[in-house]
N, C-alpha and C. Protein backbone atom coordinates (compact mmCIF):
# COMPACT_ATOMS: atom_id res chain seq x y z
N MET A 1 38.11 166.35 94.62
CA MET A 1 38.33 165.77 93.32
C MET A 1 37.16 164.84 93.02
N ASN A 2 36.64 164.97 91.84
CA ASN A 2 35.56 164.09 91.39
C ASN A 2 36.11 163.08 90.40
N LEU A 3 35.85 161.82 90.69
CA LEU A 3 36.27 160.75 89.80
C LEU A 3 35.03 160.19 89.10
N SER A 4 35.19 159.81 87.86
CA SER A 4 34.10 159.18 87.13
C SER A 4 33.86 157.79 87.72
N ARG A 5 32.72 157.23 87.42
CA ARG A 5 32.40 155.88 87.88
C ARG A 5 33.44 154.88 87.35
N GLU A 6 33.87 155.07 86.12
CA GLU A 6 34.87 154.19 85.51
C GLU A 6 36.19 154.30 86.27
N GLU A 7 36.61 155.51 86.62
CA GLU A 7 37.84 155.70 87.39
C GLU A 7 37.73 155.05 88.76
N GLN A 8 36.59 155.20 89.42
CA GLN A 8 36.38 154.57 90.73
C GLN A 8 36.47 153.05 90.62
N ASP A 9 35.86 152.50 89.57
CA ASP A 9 35.90 151.05 89.38
C ASP A 9 37.32 150.54 89.16
N VAL A 10 38.12 151.30 88.41
CA VAL A 10 39.51 150.91 88.18
C VAL A 10 40.29 150.94 89.49
N LEU A 11 40.11 151.98 90.28
CA LEU A 11 40.83 152.07 91.55
C LEU A 11 40.38 150.96 92.51
N LEU A 12 39.12 150.62 92.49
CA LEU A 12 38.63 149.51 93.31
C LEU A 12 39.28 148.20 92.89
N ALA A 13 39.39 147.98 91.59
CA ALA A 13 40.05 146.77 91.09
C ALA A 13 41.51 146.74 91.50
N VAL A 14 42.17 147.87 91.45
CA VAL A 14 43.57 147.96 91.88
C VAL A 14 43.69 147.60 93.35
N ALA A 15 42.80 148.11 94.18
CA ALA A 15 42.82 147.80 95.61
C ALA A 15 42.61 146.31 95.84
N ARG A 16 41.62 145.73 95.17
CA ARG A 16 41.35 144.29 95.32
C ARG A 16 42.55 143.45 94.92
N GLU A 17 43.16 143.78 93.80
CA GLU A 17 44.32 143.02 93.33
C GLU A 17 45.50 143.15 94.27
N ALA A 18 45.72 144.35 94.80
CA ALA A 18 46.83 144.57 95.73
C ALA A 18 46.64 143.76 97.01
N ILE A 19 45.42 143.73 97.51
CA ILE A 19 45.13 142.96 98.72
C ILE A 19 45.28 141.47 98.45
N ALA A 20 44.74 141.00 97.33
CA ALA A 20 44.84 139.58 97.00
C ALA A 20 46.31 139.16 96.91
N GLU A 21 47.11 139.98 96.27
CA GLU A 21 48.54 139.67 96.15
C GLU A 21 49.21 139.67 97.52
N ALA A 22 48.86 140.62 98.37
CA ALA A 22 49.50 140.74 99.69
C ALA A 22 49.18 139.56 100.60
N ILE A 23 48.00 138.98 100.44
CA ILE A 23 47.65 137.85 101.32
C ILE A 23 47.66 136.53 100.55
N ALA A 24 48.33 136.53 99.41
CA ALA A 24 48.58 135.32 98.61
C ALA A 24 47.32 134.62 98.14
N LEU A 25 46.37 135.39 97.66
CA LEU A 25 45.18 134.84 97.01
C LEU A 25 45.38 134.88 95.51
N PRO A 26 44.67 134.04 94.79
CA PRO A 26 44.70 134.18 93.33
C PRO A 26 44.14 135.56 92.96
N ARG A 27 44.60 136.10 91.86
CA ARG A 27 44.11 137.41 91.42
C ARG A 27 42.61 137.37 91.21
N PRO A 28 41.90 138.44 91.58
CA PRO A 28 40.45 138.48 91.34
C PRO A 28 40.14 138.38 89.85
N ASP A 29 38.91 138.00 89.54
CA ASP A 29 38.47 137.95 88.15
C ASP A 29 38.63 139.32 87.51
N ALA A 30 38.84 139.33 86.21
CA ALA A 30 38.96 140.58 85.46
C ALA A 30 37.70 141.40 85.66
N THR A 31 37.86 142.70 85.75
CA THR A 31 36.73 143.59 86.02
C THR A 31 36.01 144.02 84.77
N GLY A 32 36.53 143.69 83.62
CA GLY A 32 35.91 144.14 82.39
C GLY A 32 36.31 145.55 82.02
N THR A 33 37.29 146.10 82.70
CA THR A 33 37.76 147.44 82.39
C THR A 33 38.45 147.43 81.04
N PRO A 34 38.07 148.35 80.18
CA PRO A 34 38.70 148.38 78.86
C PRO A 34 40.21 148.52 78.97
N VAL A 35 40.94 147.79 78.11
CA VAL A 35 42.39 147.81 78.14
C VAL A 35 42.92 149.22 77.88
N HIS A 36 42.23 150.00 77.08
CA HIS A 36 42.71 151.33 76.73
C HIS A 36 42.49 152.35 77.84
N PHE A 37 41.72 151.99 78.86
CA PHE A 37 41.43 152.96 79.92
C PHE A 37 42.66 153.18 80.79
N GLN A 38 42.97 154.41 81.05
CA GLN A 38 44.09 154.76 81.92
C GLN A 38 43.54 155.19 83.27
N PRO A 39 44.09 154.67 84.36
CA PRO A 39 43.61 155.09 85.68
C PRO A 39 43.96 156.55 85.91
N PRO A 40 43.31 157.15 86.88
CA PRO A 40 43.59 158.56 87.17
C PRO A 40 45.09 158.78 87.38
N ALA A 41 45.64 159.71 86.65
CA ALA A 41 47.09 159.97 86.71
C ALA A 41 47.32 161.35 87.29
N HIS A 42 47.10 161.47 88.57
CA HIS A 42 47.37 162.73 89.23
C HIS A 42 47.75 162.47 90.68
N LEU A 43 48.33 163.47 91.29
CA LEU A 43 48.74 163.36 92.68
C LEU A 43 47.52 163.54 93.58
N ALA A 44 47.37 162.66 94.55
CA ALA A 44 46.23 162.75 95.46
C ALA A 44 46.43 161.83 96.65
N GLY A 45 45.77 162.15 97.72
CA GLY A 45 45.70 161.27 98.87
C GLY A 45 44.47 160.39 98.75
N ALA A 46 44.37 159.38 99.62
CA ALA A 46 43.21 158.48 99.59
C ALA A 46 43.10 157.74 100.92
N PHE A 47 41.92 157.21 101.16
CA PHE A 47 41.67 156.32 102.30
C PHE A 47 41.06 155.04 101.76
N VAL A 48 41.47 153.92 102.32
CA VAL A 48 40.88 152.64 101.97
C VAL A 48 40.34 152.03 103.25
N THR A 49 39.06 151.68 103.21
CA THR A 49 38.38 151.08 104.36
C THR A 49 37.90 149.70 103.95
N ILE A 50 38.13 148.72 104.82
CA ILE A 50 37.71 147.36 104.57
C ILE A 50 36.67 146.96 105.61
N HIS A 51 35.55 146.46 105.12
CA HIS A 51 34.51 145.90 105.98
C HIS A 51 34.32 144.43 105.60
N VAL A 52 34.17 143.60 106.60
CA VAL A 52 33.86 142.19 106.40
C VAL A 52 32.61 141.91 107.22
N ALA A 53 31.59 141.40 106.56
CA ALA A 53 30.30 141.12 107.20
C ALA A 53 29.77 142.36 107.92
N GLY A 54 29.99 143.51 107.33
CA GLY A 54 29.49 144.76 107.89
C GLY A 54 30.35 145.36 109.00
N ASP A 55 31.39 144.66 109.41
CA ASP A 55 32.26 145.13 110.48
C ASP A 55 33.55 145.71 109.92
N LEU A 56 34.01 146.80 110.51
CA LEU A 56 35.27 147.40 110.12
C LEU A 56 36.40 146.41 110.38
N ARG A 57 37.28 146.21 109.37
CA ARG A 57 38.42 145.31 109.51
C ARG A 57 39.74 145.99 109.19
N GLY A 58 39.67 147.22 108.73
CA GLY A 58 40.90 147.95 108.46
C GLY A 58 40.59 149.26 107.77
N CYS A 59 41.36 150.26 108.10
CA CYS A 59 41.20 151.56 107.47
C CYS A 59 42.53 152.30 107.56
N VAL A 60 43.07 152.64 106.41
CA VAL A 60 44.34 153.35 106.36
C VAL A 60 44.24 154.43 105.30
N GLY A 61 44.75 155.59 105.64
CA GLY A 61 44.74 156.68 104.68
C GLY A 61 46.10 157.33 104.53
N TYR A 62 46.23 158.01 103.43
CA TYR A 62 47.43 158.78 103.13
C TYR A 62 46.92 160.09 102.55
N PRO A 63 46.81 161.13 103.38
CA PRO A 63 46.15 162.36 102.94
C PRO A 63 46.99 163.30 102.08
N GLU A 64 48.28 163.09 102.03
CA GLU A 64 49.13 164.02 101.30
C GLU A 64 49.06 163.80 99.79
N PRO A 65 48.93 164.84 99.02
CA PRO A 65 48.88 164.70 97.56
C PRO A 65 50.26 164.73 96.92
N ASP A 66 51.15 163.85 97.38
CA ASP A 66 52.51 163.86 96.83
C ASP A 66 52.88 162.56 96.12
N LEU A 67 51.92 161.66 95.96
CA LEU A 67 52.12 160.42 95.20
C LEU A 67 50.97 160.28 94.20
N MET A 68 51.20 159.47 93.17
CA MET A 68 50.14 159.21 92.21
C MET A 68 49.00 158.46 92.91
N LEU A 69 47.78 158.83 92.59
CA LEU A 69 46.61 158.24 93.23
C LEU A 69 46.61 156.72 93.15
N LEU A 70 46.99 156.18 92.02
CA LEU A 70 47.01 154.73 91.85
C LEU A 70 47.93 154.07 92.88
N GLU A 71 49.10 154.65 93.09
CA GLU A 71 50.05 154.10 94.06
C GLU A 71 49.53 154.26 95.49
N VAL A 72 48.90 155.38 95.78
CA VAL A 72 48.33 155.60 97.11
C VAL A 72 47.27 154.55 97.41
N VAL A 73 46.41 154.28 96.45
CA VAL A 73 45.36 153.28 96.65
C VAL A 73 45.98 151.91 96.88
N ARG A 74 46.98 151.54 96.10
CA ARG A 74 47.66 150.24 96.30
C ARG A 74 48.22 150.14 97.73
N ARG A 75 48.97 151.14 98.11
CA ARG A 75 49.62 151.10 99.43
C ARG A 75 48.61 151.09 100.57
N CYS A 76 47.60 151.92 100.47
CA CYS A 76 46.59 151.99 101.54
C CYS A 76 45.79 150.70 101.62
N ALA A 77 45.47 150.10 100.48
CA ALA A 77 44.71 148.85 100.48
C ALA A 77 45.49 147.75 101.20
N VAL A 78 46.75 147.61 100.85
CA VAL A 78 47.58 146.58 101.48
C VAL A 78 47.74 146.87 102.98
N SER A 79 47.98 148.11 103.33
CA SER A 79 48.13 148.46 104.75
C SER A 79 46.84 148.23 105.53
N ALA A 80 45.70 148.59 104.94
CA ALA A 80 44.42 148.38 105.63
C ALA A 80 44.17 146.90 105.87
N ALA A 81 44.56 146.06 104.91
CA ALA A 81 44.33 144.62 105.03
C ALA A 81 45.33 143.93 105.94
N THR A 82 46.55 144.46 106.02
CA THR A 82 47.60 143.72 106.73
C THR A 82 48.22 144.42 107.92
N SER A 83 48.05 145.74 108.03
CA SER A 83 48.84 146.48 109.02
C SER A 83 48.07 147.43 109.91
N ASP A 84 46.74 147.43 109.85
CA ASP A 84 45.99 148.29 110.77
C ASP A 84 46.15 147.70 112.16
N TYR A 85 46.82 148.43 113.05
CA TYR A 85 47.18 147.90 114.37
C TYR A 85 45.97 147.52 115.22
N ARG A 86 44.79 147.98 114.86
CA ARG A 86 43.59 147.69 115.65
C ARG A 86 43.03 146.29 115.39
N PHE A 87 43.48 145.66 114.30
CA PHE A 87 42.90 144.39 113.89
C PHE A 87 43.99 143.42 113.45
N PRO A 88 43.70 142.12 113.54
CA PRO A 88 44.62 141.16 112.91
C PRO A 88 44.52 141.31 111.40
N PRO A 89 45.52 140.87 110.67
CA PRO A 89 45.45 140.95 109.20
C PRO A 89 44.19 140.25 108.67
N VAL A 90 43.66 140.76 107.60
CA VAL A 90 42.51 140.14 106.95
C VAL A 90 42.96 138.79 106.41
N SER A 91 42.19 137.76 106.71
CA SER A 91 42.53 136.42 106.24
C SER A 91 42.02 136.20 104.82
N ALA A 92 42.53 135.15 104.21
CA ALA A 92 42.08 134.81 102.86
C ALA A 92 40.59 134.52 102.87
N ALA A 93 40.10 133.83 103.88
CA ALA A 93 38.67 133.51 103.97
C ALA A 93 37.85 134.79 104.08
N GLU A 94 38.31 135.73 104.90
CA GLU A 94 37.59 137.00 105.02
C GLU A 94 37.61 137.78 103.71
N CYS A 95 38.75 137.76 103.07
CA CYS A 95 38.89 138.51 101.81
C CYS A 95 37.92 137.99 100.77
N ARG A 96 37.71 136.70 100.76
CA ARG A 96 36.79 136.10 99.79
C ARG A 96 35.34 136.53 100.05
N THR A 97 35.02 136.94 101.29
CA THR A 97 33.65 137.33 101.60
C THR A 97 33.45 138.83 101.67
N CYS A 98 34.50 139.59 101.37
CA CYS A 98 34.36 141.06 101.37
C CYS A 98 33.38 141.50 100.29
N GLN A 99 32.65 142.54 100.59
CA GLN A 99 31.83 143.18 99.58
C GLN A 99 32.60 144.40 99.12
N TRP A 100 32.93 144.46 97.85
CA TRP A 100 33.79 145.50 97.31
C TRP A 100 32.93 146.59 96.69
N LYS A 101 33.15 147.82 97.12
CA LYS A 101 32.41 148.93 96.52
C LYS A 101 33.22 150.21 96.58
N SER A 102 32.98 151.05 95.60
CA SER A 102 33.59 152.37 95.56
C SER A 102 32.74 153.31 96.38
N PRO A 103 33.34 154.40 96.87
CA PRO A 103 32.53 155.37 97.60
C PRO A 103 31.47 155.95 96.68
N SER A 104 30.34 156.25 97.24
CA SER A 104 29.24 156.83 96.43
C SER A 104 29.47 158.29 96.16
């Protein structure tokens, strides 16, 4: 599936907001996404990977295409930040220093 740059940016914003809410941070600044823009509305799997200072801090995926992509991204983002058994949960301080980017 190919997503436009705008769709990728919206999904990235959704992931950031879900993580911020899960670890009790204030919501990130608005991304400038037009209010009329609708996120991708189709069934798809996704993976969310979190790096802090270049180091892997969480990675969770849901490969099955049986949920809406937006919901999959939300769930995977929160799980990657809080429930990846290989790492402690991402702290608020770490979250503030994350570099956020969509896959190229």
